[in-house]
């Protein structure tokens, strides 16, 4: 951890940073870190997908130090190791959700709240086990939740086709679904990372 102090007329500016991966012995970080401030505890959080599991660092506001948590270990037998970059979003009830793909291209979601963690393999448990279809996805996923309570995770398959995995709170009996957006829209293949935003008239754009 390093702290730098800059002094200007009438103002002193502090800047600090921590080499989390080195200091907490976390090898093999995949992609970039994601950061946010927890709605429930107001604590700063940092997450990363790594070769050994999904890692979360939580900042202690009193000391400024970060505590490392292994969410894959916390998830117990259901925990799976991510093989792609992590994406963070919040559920409608304020809980933190981290999504990534595993080595087979399945969509994983880790849900963390107040120190408790569980993980769901959406592709297998919520799609294929319900006799629905989803291919392997790859790269970084994008995710969000609409104002009316629909959770959406989007990614590309090996052919550059866009797929979404989604759940509507308005129809919970339908559980999770997978939609082949590229096929529906008759779109050409894509490359790179997807993004998502919601319009003022409640449109979902991927």
C-alpha atoms as a PDB file:
ATOM      1  CA  UNK A   1       0.000   0.000   0.000  1.00  0.00           C
ATOM      2  CA  UNK A   2       1.278   3.466  -0.870  1.00  0.00           C
ATOM      3  CA  UNK A   3       0.096   6.909   0.175  1.00  0.00           C
ATOM      4  CA  UNK A   4       1.047  10.079  -1.664  1.00  0.00           C
ATOM      5  CA  UNK A   5       0.365  13.582  -0.334  1.00  0.00           C
ATOM      6  CA  UNK A   6      -0.008  16.627  -2.575  1.00  0.00           C
ATOM      7  CA  UNK A   7      -0.168  20.116  -1.049  1.00  0.00           C
ATOM      8  CA  UNK A   8      -1.834  22.992  -2.883  1.00  0.00           C
ATOM      9  CA  UNK A   9      -2.806  26.442  -1.623  1.00  0.00           C
ATOM     10  CA  UNK A  10      -5.369  25.884   1.157  1.00  0.00           C
ATOM     11  CA  UNK A  11      -5.784  22.237   0.191  1.00  0.00           C
ATOM     12  CA  UNK A  12      -4.030  18.956   0.950  1.00  0.00           C
ATOM     13  CA  UNK A  13      -4.968  16.055  -1.330  1.00  0.00           C
ATOM     14  CA  UNK A  14      -4.321  12.467  -0.303  1.00  0.00           C
ATOM     15  CA  UNK A  15      -4.085   9.649  -2.807  1.00  0.00           C
ATOM     16  CA  UNK A  16      -3.582   6.043  -1.802  1.00  0.00           C
ATOM     17  CA  UNK A  17      -3.640   2.674  -3.502  1.00  0.00           C
ATOM     18  CA  UNK A  18      -3.065  -0.975  -2.617  1.00  0.00           C
ATOM     19  CA  UNK A  19      -1.483  -3.691  -4.734  1.00  0.00           C
ATOM     20  CA  UNK A  20      -4.212  -6.158  -3.766  1.00  0.00           C
ATOM     21  CA  UNK A  21      -3.079  -9.036  -5.947  1.00  0.00           C
ATOM     22  CA  UNK A  22       0.492  -8.933  -4.662  1.00  0.00           C
ATOM     23  CA  UNK A  23      -0.225  -8.122  -1.040  1.00  0.00           C
ATOM     24  CA  UNK A  24      -2.799 -10.882  -0.578  1.00  0.00           C
ATOM     25  CA  UNK A  25      -0.988 -13.465  -2.695  1.00  0.00           C
ATOM     26  CA  UNK A  26      -3.634 -13.737  -5.402  1.00  0.00           C
ATOM     27  CA  UNK A  27      -2.151 -15.142  -8.624  1.00  0.00           C
ATOM     28  CA  UNK A  28      -3.729 -15.445 -12.039  1.00  0.00           C
ATOM     29  CA  UNK A  29      -6.227 -12.581 -12.140  1.00  0.00           C
ATOM     30  CA  UNK A  30      -8.373 -12.899 -15.292  1.00  0.00           C
ATOM     31  CA  UNK A  31      -9.255  -9.601 -16.962  1.00  0.00           C
ATOM     32  CA  UNK A  32      -9.781  -6.431 -14.962  1.00  0.00           C
ATOM     33  CA  UNK A  33     -10.856  -5.845 -11.377  1.00  0.00           C
ATOM     34  CA  UNK A  34     -14.357  -4.523 -10.717  1.00  0.00           C
ATOM     35  CA  UNK A  35     -15.049  -2.034  -7.928  1.00  0.00           C
ATOM     36  CA  UNK A  36     -18.160  -0.702  -6.214  1.00  0.00           C
ATOM     37  CA  UNK A  37     -19.537   0.576  -2.904  1.00  0.00           C
ATOM     38  CA  UNK A  38     -21.875  -1.814  -1.106  1.00  0.00           C
ATOM     39  CA  UNK A  39     -25.411  -0.462  -0.672  1.00  0.00           C
ATOM     40  CA  UNK A  40     -25.954  -2.202   2.660  1.00  0.00           C
ATOM     41  CA  UNK A  41     -22.641  -1.653   4.459  1.00  0.00           C
ATOM     42  CA  UNK A  42     -21.282   1.355   2.511  1.00  0.00           C
ATOM     43  CA  UNK A  43     -17.944  -0.469   2.300  1.00  0.00           C
ATOM     44  CA  UNK A  44     -15.712  -0.289  -0.776  1.00  0.00           C
ATOM     45  CA  UNK A  45     -15.409  -3.648  -2.520  1.00  0.00           C
ATOM     46  CA  UNK A  46     -13.131  -5.063  -5.217  1.00  0.00           C
ATOM     47  CA  UNK A  47     -13.661  -8.361  -7.034  1.00  0.00           C
ATOM     48  CA  UNK A  48     -11.661 -10.436  -9.499  1.00  0.00           C
ATOM     49  CA  UNK A  49     -11.975 -13.724 -11.310  1.00  0.00           C
ATOM     50  CA  UNK A  50      -8.791 -15.732 -10.780  1.00  0.00           C
ATOM     51  CA  UNK A  51      -7.330 -19.097 -11.712  1.00  0.00           C
ATOM     52  CA  UNK A  52      -8.211 -20.350  -8.229  1.00  0.00           C
ATOM     53  CA  UNK A  53     -11.676 -18.877  -7.744  1.00  0.00           C
ATOM     54  CA  UNK A  54     -13.784 -15.749  -7.407  1.00  0.00           C
ATOM     55  CA  UNK A  55     -12.063 -13.324  -5.033  1.00  0.00           C
ATOM     56  CA  UNK A  56     -13.564 -10.390  -3.130  1.00  0.00           C
ATOM     57  CA  UNK A  57     -11.699  -7.736  -1.148  1.00  0.00           C
ATOM     58  CA  UNK A  58     -13.622  -5.648   1.411  1.00  0.00           C
ATOM     59  CA  UNK A  59     -12.213  -2.383   2.737  1.00  0.00           C
ATOM     60  CA  UNK A  60     -12.278  -1.630   6.454  1.00  0.00           C
ATOM     61  CA  UNK A  61     -13.252   2.041   6.731  1.00  0.00           C
ATOM     62  CA  UNK A  62     -11.441   2.437  10.069  1.00  0.00           C
ATOM     63  CA  UNK A  63      -8.052   1.070   9.028  1.00  0.00           C
ATOM     64  CA  UNK A  64      -8.229   1.450   5.240  1.00  0.00           C
ATOM     65  CA  UNK A  65      -7.036  -2.145   4.893  1.00  0.00           C
ATOM     66  CA  UNK A  66      -8.639  -4.732   2.606  1.00  0.00           C
ATOM     67  CA  UNK A  67      -9.700  -8.205   3.750  1.00  0.00           C
ATOM     68  CA  UNK A  68      -9.576 -10.957   1.142  1.00  0.00           C
ATOM     69  CA  UNK A  69     -12.437 -13.441   0.762  1.00  0.00           C
ATOM     70  CA  UNK A  70     -12.526 -16.506  -1.501  1.00  0.00           C
ATOM     71  CA  UNK A  71     -16.155 -16.626  -2.679  1.00  0.00           C
ATOM     72  CA  UNK A  72     -15.659 -19.961  -4.466  1.00  0.00           C
ATOM     73  CA  UNK A  73     -14.612 -21.503  -1.172  1.00  0.00           C
ATOM     74  CA  UNK A  74     -17.481 -19.805   0.671  1.00  0.00           C
ATOM     75  CA  UNK A  75     -19.988 -21.201  -1.847  1.00  0.00           C
ATOM     76  CA  UNK A  76     -19.039 -24.728  -0.793  1.00  0.00           C
ATOM     77  CA  UNK A  77     -19.787 -27.668  -3.077  1.00  0.00           C
ATOM     78  CA  UNK A  78     -21.670 -25.431  -5.524  1.00  0.00           C
ATOM     79  CA  UNK A  79     -18.677 -23.150  -6.063  1.00  0.00           C
ATOM     80  CA  UNK A  80     -17.031 -23.262  -9.498  1.00  0.00           C
ATOM     81  CA  UNK A  81     -13.847 -21.577 -10.706  1.00  0.00           C
ATOM     82  CA  UNK A  82     -14.390 -18.802 -13.280  1.00  0.00           C
ATOM     83  CA  UNK A  83     -12.511 -18.874 -16.573  1.00  0.00           C
ATOM     84  CA  UNK A  84     -13.432 -15.418 -17.871  1.00  0.00           C
ATOM     85  CA  UNK A  85     -13.437 -11.824 -16.622  1.00  0.00           C
ATOM     86  CA  UNK A  86     -15.888 -10.887 -13.879  1.00  0.00           C
ATOM     87  CA  UNK A  87     -18.841  -8.500 -14.230  1.00  0.00           C
ATOM     88  CA  UNK A  88     -20.583  -6.949 -11.224  1.00  0.00           C
ATOM     89  CA  UNK A  89     -24.209  -5.852 -10.918  1.00  0.00           C
ATOM     90  CA  UNK A  90     -26.778  -5.507  -8.130  1.00  0.00           C
ATOM     91  CA  UNK A  91     -29.987  -7.453  -7.781  1.00  0.00           C
ATOM     92  CA  UNK A  92     -33.287  -5.661  -7.171  1.00  0.00           C
ATOM     93  CA  UNK A  93     -32.962  -6.277  -3.419  1.00  0.00           C
ATOM     94  CA  UNK A  94     -29.511  -4.668  -3.291  1.00  0.00           C
ATOM     95  CA  UNK A  95     -27.432  -7.843  -3.077  1.00  0.00           C
ATOM     96  CA  UNK A  96     -24.146  -7.978  -4.993  1.00  0.00           C
ATOM     97  CA  UNK A  97     -23.949 -10.302  -7.987  1.00  0.00           C
ATOM     98  CA  UNK A  98     -20.766 -11.327  -9.804  1.00  0.00           C
ATOM     99  CA  UNK A  99     -21.034 -13.161 -13.112  1.00  0.00           C
ATOM    100  CA  UNK A 100     -18.489 -14.941 -15.275  1.00  0.00           C
ATOM    101  CA  UNK A 101     -18.160 -18.091 -17.383  1.00  0.00           C
ATOM    102  CA  UNK A 102     -16.488 -21.341 -16.374  1.00  0.00           C
ATOM    103  CA  UNK A 103     -14.143 -23.396 -18.542  1.00  0.00           C
ATOM    104  CA  UNK A 104     -17.113 -24.996 -20.327  1.00  0.00           C
ATOM    105  CA  UNK A 105     -18.671 -21.635 -21.142  1.00  0.00           C
ATOM    106  CA  UNK A 106     -21.478 -21.904 -18.584  1.00  0.00           C
ATOM    107  CA  UNK A 107     -22.778 -18.701 -17.004  1.00  0.00           C
ATOM    108  CA  UNK A 108     -21.927 -18.537 -13.295  1.00  0.00           C
ATOM    109  CA  UNK A 109     -23.463 -16.096 -10.823  1.00  0.00           C
ATOM    110  CA  UNK A 110     -22.068 -15.502  -7.353  1.00  0.00           C
ATOM    111  CA  UNK A 111     -24.469 -13.685  -4.994  1.00  0.00           C
ATOM    112  CA  UNK A 112     -22.925 -11.987  -1.940  1.00  0.00           C
ATOM    113  CA  UNK A 113     -24.698 -10.169   0.873  1.00  0.00           C
ATOM    114  CA  UNK A 114     -23.568  -9.251   4.391  1.00  0.00           C
ATOM    115  CA  UNK A 115     -20.782 -11.841   4.369  1.00  0.00           C
ATOM    116  CA  UNK A 116     -22.874 -14.720   2.988  1.00  0.00           C
ATOM    117  CA  UNK A 117     -22.237 -16.211  -0.474  1.00  0.00           C
ATOM    118  CA  UNK A 118     -23.839 -18.733  -2.792  1.00  0.00           C
ATOM    119  CA  UNK A 119     -23.224 -19.598  -6.445  1.00  0.00           C
ATOM    120  CA  UNK A 120     -25.538 -20.783  -9.232  1.00  0.00           C
ATOM    121  CA  UNK A 121     -24.534 -22.262 -12.593  1.00  0.00           C
ATOM    122  CA  UNK A 122     -27.373 -20.680 -14.580  1.00  0.00           C
ATOM    123  CA  UNK A 123     -26.574 -22.444 -17.849  1.00  0.00           C
ATOM    124  CA  UNK A 124     -26.839 -25.894 -16.316  1.00  0.00           C
ATOM    125  CA  UNK A 125     -29.211 -25.615 -13.349  1.00  0.00           C
ATOM    126  CA  UNK A 126     -31.648 -23.031 -14.673  1.00  0.00           C
ATOM    127  CA  UNK A 127     -31.500 -23.569 -18.448  1.00  0.00           C
ATOM    128  CA  UNK A 128     -30.459 -27.077 -19.525  1.00  0.00           C
ATOM    129  CA  UNK A 129     -31.996 -28.815 -16.511  1.00  0.00           C
ATOM    130  CA  UNK A 130     -35.281 -27.091 -17.451  1.00  0.00           C
ATOM    131  CA  UNK A 131     -35.063 -28.535 -20.994  1.00  0.00           C
ATOM    132  CA  UNK A 132     -34.065 -25.169 -22.466  1.00  0.00           C
ATOM    133  CA  UNK A 133     -31.093 -24.458 -24.743  1.00  0.00           C
ATOM    134  CA  UNK A 134     -27.987 -22.333 -24.319  1.00  0.00           C
ATOM    135  CA  UNK A 135     -24.545 -22.779 -25.951  1.00  0.00           C
ATOM    136  CA  UNK A 136     -21.181 -22.158 -24.373  1.00  0.00           C
ATOM    137  CA  UNK A 137     -20.420 -18.442 -24.017  1.00  0.00           C
ATOM    138  CA  UNK A 138     -16.993 -16.841 -23.915  1.00  0.00           C
ATOM    139  CA  UNK A 139     -15.248 -13.610 -22.982  1.00  0.00           C
ATOM    140  CA  UNK A 140     -16.669 -10.960 -20.690  1.00  0.00           C
ATOM    141  CA  UNK A 141     -20.376 -10.930 -19.916  1.00  0.00           C
ATOM    142  CA  UNK A 142     -22.478  -7.804 -19.434  1.00  0.00           C
ATOM    143  CA  UNK A 143     -25.364  -7.656 -16.981  1.00  0.00           C
ATOM    144  CA  UNK A 144     -27.999  -5.417 -15.478  1.00  0.00           C
ATOM    145  CA  UNK A 145     -31.491  -5.215 -14.049  1.00  0.00           C
ATOM    146  CA  UNK A 146     -34.362  -3.205 -15.479  1.00  0.00           C
ATOM    147  CA  UNK A 147     -36.571  -0.785 -13.543  1.00  0.00           C
ATOM    148  CA  UNK A 148     -39.397  -3.330 -13.667  1.00  0.00           C
ATOM    149  CA  UNK A 149     -37.303  -6.174 -12.259  1.00  0.00           C
ATOM    150  CA  UNK A 150     -35.912  -8.165 -15.175  1.00  0.00           C
ATOM    151  CA  UNK A 151     -32.367  -9.425 -14.631  1.00  0.00           C
ATOM    152  CA  UNK A 152     -30.383  -9.829 -17.871  1.00  0.00           C
ATOM    153  CA  UNK A 153     -26.957 -11.311 -18.554  1.00  0.00           C
ATOM    154  CA  UNK A 154     -25.636 -11.147 -22.114  1.00  0.00           C
ATOM    155  CA  UNK A 155     -22.657 -12.732 -23.840  1.00  0.00           C
ATOM    156  CA  UNK A 156     -21.283 -14.062 -27.121  1.00  0.00           C
ATOM    157  CA  UNK A 157     -20.941 -17.661 -28.221  1.00  0.00           C
ATOM    158  CA  UNK A 158     -18.016 -19.009 -30.252  1.00  0.00           C
ATOM    159  CA  UNK A 159     -19.694 -17.900 -33.501  1.00  0.00           C
ATOM    160  CA  UNK A 160     -20.091 -14.297 -32.347  1.00  0.00           C
ATOM    161  CA  UNK A 161     -23.828 -14.659 -31.747  1.00  0.00           C
ATOM    162  CA  UNK A 162     -25.460 -12.730 -28.890  1.00  0.00           C
ATOM    163  CA  UNK A 163     -27.303 -14.658 -26.192  1.00  0.00           C
ATOM    164  CA  UNK A 164     -29.114 -13.386 -23.124  1.00  0.00           C
ATOM    165  CA  UNK A 165     -29.941 -15.233 -19.923  1.00  0.00           C
ATOM    166  CA  UNK A 166     -32.785 -13.496 -18.123  1.00  0.00           C
ATOM    167  CA  UNK A 167     -35.293 -13.692 -15.287  1.00  0.00           C
ATOM    168  CA  UNK A 168     -38.465 -11.622 -14.908  1.00  0.00           C
ATOM    169  CA  UNK A 169     -39.818 -10.847 -11.444  1.00  0.00           C
ATOM    170  CA  UNK A 170     -43.176 -10.251 -13.114  1.00  0.00           C
ATOM    171  CA  UNK A 171     -43.302 -13.910 -14.179  1.00  0.00           C
ATOM    172  CA  UNK A 172     -41.236 -15.841 -11.601  1.00  0.00           C
ATOM    173  CA  UNK A 173     -43.001 -19.071 -12.538  1.00  0.00           C
ATOM    174  CA  UNK A 174     -41.119 -19.019 -15.850  1.00  0.00           C
ATOM    175  CA  UNK A 175     -37.802 -19.139 -13.986  1.00  0.00           C
ATOM    176  CA  UNK A 176     -34.659 -18.295 -16.028  1.00  0.00           C
ATOM    177  CA  UNK A 177     -34.678 -18.269 -19.822  1.00  0.00           C
ATOM    178  CA  UNK A 178     -32.105 -18.010 -22.618  1.00  0.00           C
ATOM    179  CA  UNK A 179     -32.754 -16.030 -25.795  1.00  0.00           C
ATOM    180  CA  UNK A 180     -30.718 -16.124 -29.056  1.00  0.00           C
ATOM    181  CA  UNK A 181     -30.804 -12.392 -29.800  1.00  0.00           C
ATOM    182  CA  UNK A 182     -28.655 -12.609 -32.935  1.00  0.00           C
ATOM    183  CA  UNK A 183     -30.951 -15.216 -34.442  1.00  0.00           C
ATOM    184  CA  UNK A 184     -34.065 -13.216 -33.550  1.00  0.00           C
ATOM    185  CA  UNK A 185     -32.601 -10.003 -34.987  1.00  0.00           C
ATOM    186  CA  UNK A 186     -30.891 -11.765 -37.921  1.00  0.00           C
ATOM    187  CA  UNK A 187     -27.675 -10.005 -36.934  1.00  0.00           C
ATOM    188  CA  UNK A 188     -24.205 -10.561 -38.326  1.00  0.00           C
ATOM    189  CA  UNK A 189     -21.541 -12.042 -35.968  1.00  0.00           C
ATOM    190  CA  UNK A 190     -20.023  -9.740 -33.345  1.00  0.00           C
ATOM    191  CA  UNK A 191     -16.574  -9.619 -31.752  1.00  0.00           C
ATOM    192  CA  UNK A 192     -15.259  -8.096 -28.544  1.00  0.00           C
ATOM    193  CA  UNK A 193     -17.281  -7.206 -25.455  1.00  0.00           C
ATOM    194  CA  UNK A 194     -20.969  -6.359 -25.260  1.00  0.00           C
ATOM    195  CA  UNK A 195     -22.520  -3.480 -23.334  1.00  0.00           C
ATOM    196  CA  UNK A 196     -26.039  -2.874 -22.055  1.00  0.00           C
ATOM    197  CA  UNK A 197     -28.171   0.138 -21.160  1.00  0.00           C
ATOM    198  CA  UNK A 198     -31.799   0.875 -20.325  1.00  0.00           C
ATOM    199  CA  UNK A 199     -33.733   3.723 -21.937  1.00  0.00           C
ATOM    200  CA  UNK A 200     -36.070   6.207 -20.269  1.00  0.00           C
ATOM    201  CA  UNK A 201     -39.007   4.421 -21.952  1.00  0.00           C
ATOM    202  CA  UNK A 202     -37.951   1.068 -20.401  1.00  0.00           C
ATOM    203  CA  UNK A 203     -36.185  -0.318 -23.446  1.00  0.00           C
ATOM    204  CA  UNK A 204     -33.350  -2.816 -22.994  1.00  0.00           C
ATOM    205  CA  UNK A 205     -30.444  -2.321 -25.386  1.00  0.00           C
ATOM    206  CA  UNK A 206     -27.541  -4.787 -25.777  1.00  0.00           C
END
